[in-house]
Amino acid sequence: MGTDNHLLMFPENFIEVISIYDHSKLDLTNEKGFAFGRFISNSIERKEGISLVALHSKDARADHALMEARGVENMGIVDFRRVAHRPDGSEEEAVVSLVMLINSDAPSVSHFSAISINPIWYG
């Protein structure tokens, strides 16, 4: 999606600093036409505030199905794979699914629910 990140880890949560590394990938979309990279790029261009707030999920696809059934506005699922660097210098692939809950009237107060399929961050 053209983004890159760094995480500040705490025992039960984290802060993610996200940036753009490949502008040519910003307009890649999911099944609902949502471009995660473009959303993040637009947020960075505003130069203020938090782009998204993460809500924990144990099953992103089940949560998404429930939201769809209840008519909750969402922009579908975004699946990520990234190389993650552990404190000891080793690398591992992080696989994450995000259910994008984008507020179309006020995108700067949007959030997502996420599940880490390979939860390497807390091990």
PDB file of N, CA and C in Angstrom:
ATOM      1  N   MET A   1       0.817  -1.209   0.000  1.00  0.00           N
ATOM      2  CA  MET A   1       0.000   0.000   0.000  1.00  0.00           C
ATOM      3  C   MET A   1       0.853   1.261   0.000  1.00  0.00           C
ATOM      4  N   GLY A   2       2.167   1.100  -0.029  1.00  0.00           N
ATOM      5  CA  GLY A   2       3.058   2.241  -0.113  1.00  0.00           C
ATOM      6  C   GLY A   2       3.434   2.867   1.213  1.00  0.00           C
ATOM      7  N   THR A   3       3.028   2.238   2.310  1.00  0.00           N
ATOM      8  CA  THR A   3       3.322   2.805   3.623  1.00  0.00           C
ATOM      9  C   THR A   3       4.416   2.017   4.334  1.00  0.00           C
ATOM     10  N   ASP A   4       5.009   2.643   5.329  1.00  0.00           N
ATOM     11  CA  ASP A   4       6.008   2.010   6.187  1.00  0.00           C
ATOM     12  C   ASP A   4       5.720   2.479   7.603  1.00  0.00           C
ATOM     13  N   ASN A   5       6.179   1.708   8.589  1.00  0.00           N
ATOM     14  CA  ASN A   5       5.845   2.099   9.952  1.00  0.00           C
ATOM     15  C   ASN A   5       6.956   1.780  10.938  1.00  0.00           C
ATOM     16  N   HIS A   6       6.858   2.403  12.099  1.00  0.00           N
ATOM     17  CA  HIS A   6       7.674   2.100  13.268  1.00  0.00           C
ATOM     18  C   HIS A   6       6.718   2.053  14.450  1.00  0.00           C
ATOM     19  N   LEU A   7       6.989   1.137  15.380  1.00  0.00           N
ATOM     20  CA  LEU A   7       6.103   0.955  16.529  1.00  0.00           C
ATOM     21  C   LEU A   7       6.818   1.270  17.832  1.00  0.00           C
ATOM     22  N   LEU A   8       6.137   1.967  18.716  1.00  0.00           N
ATOM     23  CA  LEU A   8       6.588   2.187  20.074  1.00  0.00           C
ATOM     24  C   LEU A   8       5.759   1.236  20.933  1.00  0.00           C
ATOM     25  N   MET A   9       6.399   0.184  21.441  1.00  0.00           N
ATOM     26  CA  MET A   9       5.682  -0.915  22.085  1.00  0.00           C
ATOM     27  C   MET A   9       5.555  -0.718  23.592  1.00  0.00           C
ATOM     28  N   PHE A  10       4.378  -1.065  24.109  1.00  0.00           N
ATOM     29  CA  PHE A  10       4.075  -1.095  25.536  1.00  0.00           C
ATOM     30  C   PHE A  10       3.583  -2.503  25.860  1.00  0.00           C
ATOM     31  N   PRO A  11       3.474  -2.883  27.126  1.00  0.00           N
ATOM     32  CA  PRO A  11       3.053  -4.256  27.455  1.00  0.00           C
ATOM     33  C   PRO A  11       1.706  -4.662  26.855  1.00  0.00           C
ATOM     34  N   GLU A  12       0.757  -3.764  26.755  1.00  0.00           N
ATOM     35  CA  GLU A  12      -0.590  -4.125  26.293  1.00  0.00           C
ATOM     36  C   GLU A  12      -1.045  -3.366  25.046  1.00  0.00           C
ATOM     37  N   ASN A  13      -0.222  -2.445  24.506  1.00  0.00           N
ATOM     38  CA  ASN A  13      -0.629  -1.667  23.340  1.00  0.00           C
ATOM     39  C   ASN A  13       0.595  -1.051  22.669  1.00  0.00           C
ATOM     40  N   PHE A  14       0.382  -0.202  21.694  1.00  0.00           N
ATOM     41  CA  PHE A  14       1.495   0.411  20.980  1.00  0.00           C
ATOM     42  C   PHE A  14       1.048   1.707  20.309  1.00  0.00           C
ATOM     43  N   ILE A  15       2.028   2.524  19.961  1.00  0.00           N
ATOM     44  CA  ILE A  15       1.815   3.706  19.126  1.00  0.00           C
ATOM     45  C   ILE A  15       2.552   3.437  17.822  1.00  0.00           C
ATOM     46  N   GLU A  16       1.867   3.658  16.714  1.00  0.00           N
ATOM     47  CA  GLU A  16       2.455   3.428  15.398  1.00  0.00           C
ATOM     48  C   GLU A  16       2.694   4.761  14.700  1.00  0.00           C
ATOM     49  N   VAL A  17       3.913   4.959  14.244  1.00  0.00           N
ATOM     50  CA  VAL A  17       4.245   6.111  13.410  1.00  0.00           C
ATOM     51  C   VAL A  17       4.342   5.576  11.986  1.00  0.00           C
ATOM     52  N   ILE A  18       3.540   6.142  11.107  1.00  0.00           N
ATOM     53  CA  ILE A  18       3.450   5.612   9.754  1.00  0.00           C
ATOM     54  C   ILE A  18       3.853   6.688   8.744  1.00  0.00           C
ATOM     55  N   SER A  19       4.494   6.256   7.682  1.00  0.00           N
ATOM     56  CA  SER A  19       4.950   7.184   6.647  1.00  0.00           C
ATOM     57  C   SER A  19       4.729   6.561   5.271  1.00  0.00           C
ATOM     58  N   ILE A  20       5.070   7.312   4.259  1.00  0.00           N
ATOM     59  CA  ILE A  20       4.945   6.852   2.880  1.00  0.00           C
ATOM     60  C   ILE A  20       6.341   6.518   2.362  1.00  0.00           C
ATOM     61  N   TYR A  21       6.506   5.337   1.769  1.00  0.00           N
ATOM     62  CA  TYR A  21       7.801   4.983   1.188  1.00  0.00           C
ATOM     63  C   TYR A  21       7.723   4.782  -0.317  1.00  0.00           C
ATOM     64  N   ASP A  22       6.526   4.535  -0.868  1.00  0.00           N
ATOM     65  CA  ASP A  22       6.406   4.301  -2.300  1.00  0.00           C
ATOM     66  C   ASP A  22       5.106   4.931  -2.805  1.00  0.00           C
ATOM     67  N   HIS A  23       5.219   6.130  -3.352  1.00  0.00           N
ATOM     68  CA  HIS A  23       4.036   6.867  -3.824  1.00  0.00           C
ATOM     69  C   HIS A  23       3.304   6.140  -4.950  1.00  0.00           C
ATOM     70  N   SER A  24       3.988   5.265  -5.673  1.00  0.00           N
ATOM     71  CA  SER A  24       3.339   4.562  -6.785  1.00  0.00           C
ATOM     72  C   SER A  24       2.325   3.526  -6.299  1.00  0.00           C
ATOM     73  N   LYS A  25       2.364   3.161  -5.024  1.00  0.00           N
ATOM     74  CA  LYS A  25       1.444   2.157  -4.495  1.00  0.00           C
ATOM     75  C   LYS A  25       0.278   2.754  -3.709  1.00  0.00           C
ATOM     76  N   LEU A  26       0.213   4.073  -3.583  1.00  0.00           N
ATOM     77  CA  LEU A  26      -0.787   4.711  -2.729  1.00  0.00           C
ATOM     78  C   LEU A  26      -2.225   4.443  -3.160  1.00  0.00           C
ATOM     79  N   ASP A  27      -2.451   4.204  -4.426  1.00  0.00           N
ATOM     80  CA  ASP A  27      -3.820   4.034  -4.909  1.00  0.00           C
ATOM     81  C   ASP A  27      -4.232   2.574  -5.094  1.00  0.00           C
ATOM     82  N   LEU A  28      -3.454   1.633  -4.548  1.00  0.00           N
ATOM     83  CA  LEU A  28      -3.882   0.232  -4.526  1.00  0.00           C
ATOM     84  C   LEU A  28      -5.105   0.135  -3.627  1.00  0.00           C
ATOM     85  N   THR A  29      -6.127  -0.605  -4.082  1.00  0.00           N
ATOM     86  CA  THR A  29      -7.383  -0.644  -3.338  1.00  0.00           C
ATOM     87  C   THR A  29      -7.761  -2.056  -2.912  1.00  0.00           C
ATOM     88  N   ASN A  30      -8.663  -2.113  -1.924  1.00  0.00           N
ATOM     89  CA  ASN A  30      -9.229  -3.396  -1.507  1.00  0.00           C
ATOM     90  C   ASN A  30     -10.510  -3.651  -2.299  1.00  0.00           C
ATOM     91  N   GLU A  31     -11.278  -4.655  -1.880  1.00  0.00           N
ATOM     92  CA  GLU A  31     -12.480  -5.055  -2.624  1.00  0.00           C
ATOM     93  C   GLU A  31     -13.563  -3.985  -2.658  1.00  0.00           C
ATOM     94  N   LYS A  32     -13.526  -3.018  -1.731  1.00  0.00           N
ATOM     95  CA  LYS A  32     -14.515  -1.938  -1.717  1.00  0.00           C
ATOM     96  C   LYS A  32     -13.970  -0.653  -2.327  1.00  0.00           C
ATOM     97  N   GLY A  33     -12.779  -0.719  -2.912  1.00  0.00           N
ATOM     98  CA  GLY A  33     -12.200   0.454  -3.542  1.00  0.00           C
ATOM     99  C   GLY A  33     -11.482   1.386  -2.583  1.00  0.00           C
ATOM    100  N   PHE A  34     -11.253   0.951  -1.346  1.00  0.00           N
ATOM    101  CA  PHE A  34     -10.569   1.788  -0.359  1.00  0.00           C
ATOM    102  C   PHE A  34      -9.059   1.712  -0.560  1.00  0.00           C
ATOM    103  N   ALA A  35      -8.411   2.861  -0.654  1.00  0.00           N
ATOM    104  CA  ALA A  35      -6.958   2.944  -0.832  1.00  0.00           C
ATOM    105  C   ALA A  35      -6.328   3.369   0.496  1.00  0.00           C
ATOM    106  N   PHE A  36      -5.855   2.393   1.263  1.00  0.00           N
ATOM    107  CA  PHE A  36      -5.253   2.666   2.572  1.00  0.00           C
ATOM    108  C   PHE A  36      -4.093   3.648   2.451  1.00  0.00           C
ATOM    109  N   GLY A  37      -3.198   3.417   1.517  1.00  0.00           N
ATOM    110  CA  GLY A  37      -2.047   4.300   1.342  1.00  0.00           C
ATOM    111  C   GLY A  37      -2.451   5.726   1.058  1.00  0.00           C
ATOM    112  N   ARG A  38      -3.440   5.916   0.191  1.00  0.00           N
ATOM    113  CA  ARG A  38      -3.914   7.265  -0.133  1.00  0.00           C
ATOM    114  C   ARG A  38      -4.543   7.918   1.095  1.00  0.00           C
ATOM    115  N   PHE A  39      -5.315   7.150   1.885  1.00  0.00           N
ATOM    116  CA  PHE A  39      -5.912   7.684   3.109  1.00  0.00           C
ATOM    117  C   PHE A  39      -4.816   8.184   4.048  1.00  0.00           C
ATOM    118  N   ILE A  40      -3.764   7.375   4.233  1.00  0.00           N
ATOM    119  CA  ILE A  40      -2.668   7.765   5.116  1.00  0.00           C
ATOM    120  C   ILE A  40      -1.935   8.978   4.545  1.00  0.00           C
ATOM    121  N   SER A  41      -1.662   8.984   3.255  1.00  0.00           N
ATOM    122  CA  SER A  41      -0.986  10.117   2.620  1.00  0.00           C
ATOM    123  C   SER A  41      -1.782  11.404   2.824  1.00  0.00           C
ATOM    124  N   ASN A  42      -3.091  11.346   2.612  1.00  0.00           N
ATOM    125  CA  ASN A  42      -3.938  12.527   2.813  1.00  0.00           C
ATOM    126  C   ASN A  42      -3.900  12.994   4.263  1.00  0.00           C
ATOM    127  N   SER A  43      -3.887  12.049   5.182  1.00  0.00           N
ATOM    128  CA  SER A  43      -3.818  12.382   6.606  1.00  0.00           C
ATOM    129  C   SER A  43      -2.500  13.078   6.935  1.00  0.00           C
ATOM    130  N   ILE A  44      -1.409  12.555   6.401  1.00  0.00           N
ATOM    131  CA  ILE A  44      -0.090  13.162   6.634  1.00  0.00           C
ATOM    132  C   ILE A  44      -0.048  14.575   6.058  1.00  0.00           C
ATOM    133  N   GLU A  45      -0.654  14.772   4.898  1.00  0.00           N
ATOM    134  CA  GLU A  45      -0.661  16.095   4.274  1.00  0.00           C
ATOM    135  C   GLU A  45      -1.409  17.124   5.109  1.00  0.00           C
ATOM    136  N   ARG A  46      -2.380  16.693   5.935  1.00  0.00           N
ATOM    137  CA  ARG A  46      -3.089  17.625   6.819  1.00  0.00           C
ATOM    138  C   ARG A  46      -2.177  18.142   7.931  1.00  0.00           C
ATOM    139  N   LYS A  47      -1.101  17.395   8.237  1.00  0.00           N
ATOM    140  CA  LYS A  47      -0.072  17.785   9.200  1.00  0.00           C
ATOM    141  C   LYS A  47      -0.595  18.036  10.611  1.00  0.00           C
ATOM    142  N   GLU A  48      -1.618  17.309  11.007  1.00  0.00           N
ATOM    143  CA  GLU A  48      -2.077  17.432  12.378  1.00  0.00           C
ATOM    144  C   GLU A  48      -2.912  16.220  12.767  1.00  0.00           C
ATOM    145  N   GLY A  49      -2.880  15.893  14.027  1.00  0.00           N
ATOM    146  CA  GLY A  49      -3.757  14.875  14.564  1.00  0.00           C
ATOM    147  C   GLY A  49      -3.335  13.444  14.308  1.00  0.00           C
ATOM    148  N   ILE A  50      -4.213  12.570  14.695  1.00  0.00           N
ATOM    149  CA  ILE A  50      -4.027  11.129  14.581  1.00  0.00           C
ATOM    150  C   ILE A  50      -4.758  10.653  13.331  1.00  0.00           C
ATOM    151  N   SER A  51      -4.115   9.823  12.529  1.00  0.00           N
ATOM    152  CA  SER A  51      -4.742   9.332  11.298  1.00  0.00           C
ATOM    153  C   SER A  51      -5.878   8.371  11.596  1.00  0.00           C
ATOM    154  N   LEU A  52      -5.615   7.378  12.435  1.00  0.00           N
ATOM    155  CA  LEU A  52      -6.594   6.345  12.747  1.00  0.00           C
ATOM    156  C   LEU A  52      -6.379   5.861  14.177  1.00  0.00           C
ATOM    157  N   VAL A  53      -7.435   5.403  14.798  1.00  0.00           N
ATOM    158  CA  VAL A  53      -7.349   4.763  16.109  1.00  0.00           C
ATOM    159  C   VAL A  53      -7.644   3.283  15.897  1.00  0.00           C
ATOM    160  N   ALA A  54      -6.791   2.433  16.464  1.00  0.00           N
ATOM    161  CA  ALA A  54      -6.952   0.982  16.302  1.00  0.00           C
ATOM    162  C   ALA A  54      -7.764   0.399  17.443  1.00  0.00           C
ATOM    163  N   LEU A  55      -8.696  -0.461  17.092  1.00  0.00           N
ATOM    164  CA  LEU A  55      -9.481  -1.227  18.051  1.00  0.00           C
ATOM    165  C   LEU A  55      -9.094  -2.689  17.883  1.00  0.00           C
ATOM    166  N   HIS A  56      -8.872  -3.395  18.981  1.00  0.00           N
ATOM    167  CA  HIS A  56      -8.439  -4.786  18.893  1.00  0.00           C
ATOM    168  C   HIS A  56      -9.584  -5.704  18.466  1.00  0.00           C
ATOM    169  N   SER A  57      -9.260  -6.660  17.654  1.00  0.00           N
ATOM    170  CA  SER A  57     -10.208  -7.671  17.200  1.00  0.00           C
ATOM    171  C   SER A  57      -9.570  -9.043  17.345  1.00  0.00           C
ATOM    172  N   LYS A  58     -10.365 -10.027  17.688  1.00  0.00           N
ATOM    173  CA  LYS A  58      -9.871 -11.405  17.709  1.00  0.00           C
ATOM    174  C   LYS A  58     -10.138 -12.114  16.392  1.00  0.00           C
ATOM    175  N   ASP A  59     -11.056 -11.556  15.581  1.00  0.00           N
ATOM    176  CA  ASP A  59     -11.396 -12.156  14.289  1.00  0.00           C
ATOM    177  C   ASP A  59     -11.924 -11.051  13.374  1.00  0.00           C
ATOM    178  N   ALA A  60     -11.027 -10.456  12.598  1.00  0.00           N
ATOM    179  CA  ALA A  60     -11.383  -9.316  11.753  1.00  0.00           C
ATOM    180  C   ALA A  60     -12.492  -9.660  10.761  1.00  0.00           C
ATOM    181  N   ARG A  61     -12.436 -10.841  10.166  1.00  0.00           N
ATOM    182  CA  ARG A  61     -13.449 -11.196   9.166  1.00  0.00           C
ATOM    183  C   ARG A  61     -14.831 -11.421   9.794  1.00  0.00           C
ATOM    184  N   ALA A  62     -14.880 -12.012  10.967  1.00  0.00           N
ATOM    185  CA  ALA A  62     -16.167 -12.181  11.669  1.00  0.00           C
ATOM    186  C   ALA A  62     -16.713 -10.816  12.088  1.00  0.00           C
ATOM    187  N   ASP A  63     -15.838  -9.936  12.583  1.00  0.00           N
ATOM    188  CA  ASP A  63     -16.276  -8.590  12.946  1.00  0.00           C
ATOM    189  C   ASP A  63     -16.795  -7.839  11.736  1.00  0.00           C
ATOM    190  N   HIS A  64     -16.100  -7.995  10.610  1.00  0.00           N
ATOM    191  CA  HIS A  64     -16.535  -7.334   9.385  1.00  0.00           C
ATOM    192  C   HIS A  64     -17.901  -7.851   8.942  1.00  0.00           C
ATOM    193  N   ALA A  65     -18.107  -9.148   8.990  1.00  0.00           N
ATOM    194  CA  ALA A  65     -19.402  -9.724   8.606  1.00  0.00           C
ATOM    195  C   ALA A  65     -20.519  -9.196   9.499  1.00  0.00           C
ATOM    196  N   LEU A  66     -20.252  -9.085  10.792  1.00  0.00           N
ATOM    197  CA  LEU A  66     -21.241  -8.550  11.728  1.00  0.00           C
ATOM    198  C   LEU A  66     -21.554  -7.090  11.406  1.00  0.00           C
ATOM    199  N   MET A  67     -20.531  -6.303  11.112  1.00  0.00           N
ATOM    200  CA  MET A  67     -20.749  -4.898  10.748  1.00  0.00           C
ATOM    201  C   MET A  67     -21.581  -4.789   9.474  1.00  0.00           C
ATOM    202  N   GLU A  68     -21.257  -5.620   8.494  1.00  0.00           N
ATOM    203  CA  GLU A  68     -22.020  -5.617   7.252  1.00  0.00           C
ATOM    204  C   GLU A  68     -23.482  -5.963   7.517  1.00  0.00           C
ATOM    205  N   ALA A  69     -23.718  -6.989   8.332  1.00  0.00           N
ATOM    206  CA  ALA A  69     -25.086  -7.421   8.635  1.00  0.00           C
ATOM    207  C   ALA A  69     -25.873  -6.333   9.368  1.00  0.00           C
ATOM    208  N   ARG A  70     -25.180  -5.534  10.161  1.00  0.00           N
ATOM    209  CA  ARG A  70     -25.843  -4.476  10.942  1.00  0.00           C
ATOM    210  C   ARG A  70     -25.838  -3.128  10.233  1.00  0.00           C
ATOM    211  N   GLY A  71     -25.293  -3.071   9.030  1.00  0.00           N
ATOM    212  CA  GLY A  71     -25.295  -1.835   8.261  1.00  0.00           C
ATOM    213  C   GLY A  71     -24.307  -0.787   8.742  1.00  0.00           C
ATOM    214  N   VAL A  72     -23.245  -1.215   9.417  1.00  0.00           N
ATOM    215  CA  VAL A  72     -22.227  -0.279   9.892  1.00  0.00           C
ATOM    216  C   VAL A  72     -21.359   0.145   8.711  1.00  0.00           C
ATOM    217  N   GLU A  73     -21.214   1.454   8.524  1.00  0.00           N
ATOM    218  CA  GLU A  73     -20.391   1.977   7.430  1.00  0.00           C
ATOM    219  C   GLU A  73     -18.949   1.506   7.606  1.00  0.00           C
ATOM    220  N   ASN A  74     -18.405   0.902   6.565  1.00  0.00           N
ATOM    221  CA  ASN A  74     -17.007   0.468   6.607  1.00  0.00           C
ATOM    222  C   ASN A  74     -16.477   0.396   5.190  1.00  0.00           C
ATOM    223  N   MET A  75     -15.160   0.361   5.101  1.00  0.00           N
ATOM    224  CA  MET A  75     -14.507   0.303   3.795  1.00  0.00           C
ATOM    225  C   MET A  75     -13.821  -1.038   3.572  1.00  0.00           C
ATOM    226  N   GLY A  76     -14.344  -2.076   4.192  1.00  0.00           N
ATOM    227  CA  GLY A  76     -13.841  -3.414   3.946  1.00  0.00           C
ATOM    228  C   GLY A  76     -12.580  -3.745   4.711  1.00  0.00           C
ATOM    229  N   ILE A  77     -11.959  -4.833   4.298  1.00  0.00           N
ATOM    230  CA  ILE A  77     -10.775  -5.357   4.967  1.00  0.00           C
ATOM    231  C   ILE A  77      -9.527  -5.020   4.155  1.00  0.00           C
ATOM    232  N   VAL A  78      -8.472  -4.645   4.861  1.00  0.00           N
ATOM    233  CA  VAL A  78      -7.161  -4.427   4.252  1.00  0.00           C
ATOM    234  C   VAL A  78      -6.213  -5.421   4.912  1.00  0.00           C
ATOM    235  N   ASP A  79      -5.586  -6.271   4.108  1.00  0.00           N
ATOM    236  CA  ASP A  79      -4.612  -7.247   4.611  1.00  0.00           C
ATOM    237  C   ASP A  79      -3.201  -6.742   4.324  1.00  0.00           C
ATOM    238  N   PHE A  80      -2.338  -6.838   5.340  1.00  0.00           N
ATOM    239  CA  PHE A  80      -0.949  -6.393   5.215  1.00  0.00           C
ATOM    240  C   PHE A  80       0.004  -7.524   5.518  1.00  0.00           C
ATOM    241  N   ARG A  81       1.125  -7.480   4.869  1.00  0.00           N
ATOM    242  CA  ARG A  81       2.291  -8.303   5.213  1.00  0.00           C
ATOM    243  C   ARG A  81       3.475  -7.359   5.230  1.00  0.00           C
ATOM    244  N   ARG A  82       4.207  -7.375   6.324  1.00  0.00           N
ATOM    245  CA  ARG A  82       5.382  -6.508   6.449  1.00  0.00           C
ATOM    246  C   ARG A  82       6.495  -7.288   7.117  1.00  0.00           C
ATOM    247  N   VAL A  83       7.721  -6.924   6.811  1.00  0.00           N
ATOM    248  CA  VAL A  83       8.862  -7.448   7.552  1.00  0.00           C
ATOM    249  C   VAL A  83       8.932  -6.662   8.851  1.00  0.00           C
ATOM    250  N   ALA A  84       8.970  -7.376   9.946  1.00  0.00           N
ATOM    251  CA  ALA A  84       9.079  -6.750  11.269  1.00  0.00           C
ATOM    252  C   ALA A  84      10.446  -7.072  11.847  1.00  0.00           C
ATOM    253  N   HIS A  85      11.044  -6.078  12.475  1.00  0.00           N
ATOM    254  CA  HIS A  85      12.370  -6.237  13.077  1.00  0.00           C
ATOM    255  C   HIS A  85      12.213  -6.344  14.587  1.00  0.00           C
ATOM    256  N   ARG A  86      12.644  -7.455  15.136  1.00  0.00           N
ATOM    257  CA  ARG A  86      12.577  -7.677  16.580  1.00  0.00           C
ATOM    258  C   ARG A  86      13.703  -6.914  17.276  1.00  0.00           C
ATOM    259  N   PRO A  87      13.551  -6.682  18.584  1.00  0.00           N
ATOM    260  CA  PRO A  87      14.606  -5.983  19.327  1.00  0.00           C
ATOM    261  C   PRO A  87      15.979  -6.655  19.229  1.00  0.00           C
ATOM    262  N   ASP A  88      15.994  -7.985  19.038  1.00  0.00           N
ATOM    263  CA  ASP A  88      17.277  -8.685  18.942  1.00  0.00           C
ATOM    264  C   ASP A  88      17.890  -8.603  17.536  1.00  0.00           C
ATOM    265  N   GLY A  89      17.219  -7.888  16.612  1.00  0.00           N
ATOM    266  CA  GLY A  89      17.728  -7.718  15.262  1.00  0.00           C
ATOM    267  C   GLY A  89      17.202  -8.729  14.259  1.00  0.00           C
ATOM    268  N   SER A  90      16.567  -9.785  14.722  1.00  0.00           N
ATOM    269  CA  SER A  90      16.017 -10.780  13.795  1.00  0.00           C
ATOM    270  C   SER A  90      14.775 -10.207  13.100  1.00  0.00           C
ATOM    271  N   GLU A  91      14.411 -10.832  11.988  1.00  0.00           N
ATOM    272  CA  GLU A  91      13.250 -10.401  11.217  1.00  0.00           C
ATOM    273  C   GLU A  91      12.197 -11.492  11.191  1.00  0.00           C
ATOM    274  N   GLU A  92      10.955 -11.071  11.101  1.00  0.00           N
ATOM    275  CA  GLU A  92       9.834 -11.987  10.981  1.00  0.00           C
ATOM    276  C   GLU A  92       8.747 -11.278  10.192  1.00  0.00           C
ATOM    277  N   GLU A  93       7.923 -12.044   9.506  1.00  0.00           N
ATOM    278  CA  GLU A  93       6.836 -11.444   8.754  1.00  0.00           C
ATOM    279  C   GLU A  93       5.645 -11.209   9.684  1.00  0.00           C
ATOM    280  N   ALA A  94       5.146  -9.993   9.677  1.00  0.00           N
ATOM    281  CA  ALA A  94       3.921  -9.664  10.404  1.00  0.00           C
ATOM    282  C   ALA A  94       2.775  -9.670   9.397  1.00  0.00           C
ATOM    283  N   VAL A  95       1.701 -10.350   9.724  1.00  0.00           N
ATOM    284  CA  VAL A  95       0.525 -10.424   8.868  1.00  0.00           C
ATOM    285  C   VAL A  95      -0.646  -9.861   9.675  1.00  0.00           C
ATOM    286  N   VAL A  96      -1.278  -8.826   9.125  1.00  0.00           N
ATOM    287  CA  VAL A  96      -2.320  -8.111   9.855  1.00  0.00           C
ATOM    288  C   VAL A  96      -3.521  -7.887   8.943  1.00  0.00           C
ATOM    289  N   SER A  97      -4.725  -8.020   9.502  1.00  0.00           N
ATOM    290  CA  SER A  97      -5.959  -7.689   8.788  1.00  0.00           C
ATOM    291  C   SER A  97      -6.633  -6.528   9.506  1.00  0.00           C
ATOM    292  N   LEU A  98      -7.043  -5.525   8.738  1.00  0.00           N
ATOM    293  CA  LEU A  98      -7.700  -4.343   9.292  1.00  0.00           C
ATOM    294  C   LEU A  98      -9.103  -4.222   8.707  1.00  0.00           C
ATOM    295  N   VAL A  99     -10.103  -3.973   9.541  1.00  0.00           N
ATOM    296  CA  VAL A  99     -11.441  -3.628   9.072  1.00  0.00           C
ATOM    297  C   VAL A  99     -11.529  -2.111   9.161  1.00  0.00           C
ATOM    298  N   MET A 100     -11.640  -1.453   8.010  1.00  0.00           N
ATOM    299  CA  MET A 100     -11.572  -0.006   7.944  1.00  0.00           C
ATOM    300  C   MET A 100     -12.929   0.623   8.238  1.00  0.00           C
ATOM    301  N   LEU A 101     -12.991   1.362   9.328  1.00  0.00           N
ATOM    302  CA  LEU A 101     -14.210   2.050   9.756  1.00  0.00           C
ATOM    303  C   LEU A 101     -14.011   3.542   9.511  1.00  0.00           C
ATOM    304  N   ILE A 102     -14.177   3.936   8.269  1.00  0.00           N
ATOM    305  CA  ILE A 102     -13.896   5.302   7.850  1.00  0.00           C
ATOM    306  C   ILE A 102     -15.182   6.118   7.909  1.00  0.00           C
ATOM    307  N   ASN A 103     -15.134   7.204   8.649  1.00  0.00           N
ATOM    308  CA  ASN A 103     -16.272   8.106   8.751  1.00  0.00           C
ATOM    309  C   ASN A 103     -16.242   9.020   7.527  1.00  0.00           C
ATOM    310  N   SER A 104     -17.182   8.836   6.615  1.00  0.00           N
ATOM    311  CA  SER A 104     -17.156   9.598   5.360  1.00  0.00           C
ATOM    312  C   SER A 104     -17.400  11.086   5.584  1.00  0.00           C
ATOM    313  N   ASP A 105     -18.118  11.456   6.640  1.00  0.00           N
ATOM    314  CA  ASP A 105     -18.366  12.869   6.934  1.00  0.00           C
ATOM    315  C   ASP A 105     -17.179  13.529   7.627  1.00  0.00           C
ATOM    316  N   ALA A 106     -16.436  12.762   8.418  1.00  0.00           N
ATOM    317  CA  ALA A 106     -15.297  13.303   9.166  1.00  0.00           C
ATOM    318  C   ALA A 106     -14.174  12.270   9.177  1.00  0.00           C
ATOM    319  N   PRO A 107     -13.445  12.119   8.056  1.00  0.00           N
ATOM    320  CA  PRO A 107     -12.430  11.066   7.976  1.00  0.00           C
ATOM    321  C   PRO A 107     -11.335  11.180   9.029  1.00  0.00           C
ATOM    322  N   SER A 108     -11.112  12.369   9.580  1.00  0.00           N
ATOM    323  CA  SER A 108     -10.052  12.518  10.574  1.00  0.00           C
ATOM    324  C   SER A 108     -10.432  11.926  11.935  1.00  0.00           C
ATOM    325  N   VAL A 109     -11.659  11.438  12.090  1.00  0.00           N
ATOM    326  CA  VAL A 109     -12.044  10.750  13.331  1.00  0.00           C
ATOM    327  C   VAL A 109     -12.363   9.281  13.055  1.00  0.00           C
ATOM    328  N   SER A 110     -11.745   8.716  12.046  1.00  0.00           N
ATOM    329  CA  SER A 110     -11.975   7.329  11.662  1.00  0.00           C
ATOM    330  C   SER A 110     -11.123   6.385  12.488  1.00  0.00           C
ATOM    331  N   HIS A 111     -11.449   5.094  12.411  1.00  0.00           N
ATOM    332  CA  HIS A 111     -10.682   4.088  13.131  1.00  0.00           C
ATOM    333  C   HIS A 111     -10.778   2.756  12.386  1.00  0.00           C
ATOM    334  N   PHE A 112     -10.127   1.749  12.926  1.00  0.00           N
ATOM    335  CA  PHE A 112     -10.183   0.421  12.338  1.00  0.00           C
ATOM    336  C   PHE A 112     -10.083  -0.607  13.447  1.00  0.00           C
ATOM    337  N   SER A 113     -10.598  -1.798  13.177  1.00  0.00           N
ATOM    338  CA  SER A 113     -10.344  -2.908  14.095  1.00  0.00           C
ATOM    339  C   SER A 113      -9.302  -3.777  13.414  1.00  0.00           C
ATOM    340  N   ALA A 114      -8.435  -4.360  14.214  1.00  0.00           N
ATOM    341  CA  ALA A 114      -7.305  -5.086  13.644  1.00  0.00           C
ATOM    342  C   ALA A 114      -7.060  -6.386  14.371  1.00  0.00           C
ATOM    343  N   ILE A 115      -6.577  -7.340  13.619  1.00  0.00           N
ATOM    344  CA  ILE A 115      -6.103  -8.590  14.196  1.00  0.00           C
ATOM    345  C   ILE A 115      -4.740  -8.883  13.586  1.00  0.00           C
ATOM    346  N   SER A 116      -3.816  -9.246  14.445  1.00  0.00           N
ATOM    347  CA  SER A 116      -2.503  -9.665  13.976  1.00  0.00           C
ATOM    348  C   SER A 116      -2.544 -11.170  13.843  1.00  0.00           C
ATOM    349  N   ILE A 117      -2.447 -11.668  12.608  1.00  0.00           N
ATOM    350  CA  ILE A 117      -2.497 -13.100  12.369  1.00  0.00           C
ATOM    351  C   ILE A 117      -1.226 -13.772  12.868  1.00  0.00           C
ATOM    352  N   ASN A 118      -0.154 -13.056  12.832  1.00  0.00           N
ATOM    353  CA  ASN A 118       1.132 -13.552  13.329  1.00  0.00           C
ATOM    354  C   ASN A 118       1.605 -12.558  14.393  1.00  0.00           C
ATOM    355  N   PRO A 119       1.085 -12.649  15.608  1.00  0.00           N
ATOM    356  CA  PRO A 119       1.315 -11.601  16.610  1.00  0.00           C
ATOM    357  C   PRO A 119       2.727 -11.640  17.200  1.00  0.00           C
ATOM    358  N   ILE A 120       3.680 -11.122  16.453  1.00  0.00           N
ATOM    359  CA  ILE A 120       5.064 -11.177  16.888  1.00  0.00           C
ATOM    360  C   ILE A 120       5.410 -10.077  17.886  1.00  0.00           C
ATOM    361  N   TRP A 121       4.587  -9.058  17.995  1.00  0.00           N
ATOM    362  CA  TRP A 121       4.973  -7.880  18.749  1.00  0.00           C
ATOM    363  C   TRP A 121       5.015  -8.107  20.250  1.00  0.00           C
ATOM    364  N   TYR A 122       4.269  -9.049  20.764  1.00  0.00           N
ATOM    365  CA  TYR A 122       4.200  -9.223  22.203  1.00  0.00           C
ATOM    366  C   TYR A 122       4.828 -10.505  22.672  1.00  0.00           C
ATOM    367  N   GLY A 123       5.864 -10.983  21.972  1.00  0.00           N
ATOM    368  CA  GLY A 123       6.469 -12.247  22.356  1.00  0.00           C
ATOM    369  C   GLY A 123       7.851 -12.089  22.885  1.00  0.00           C
TER     370      GLY A 123
END
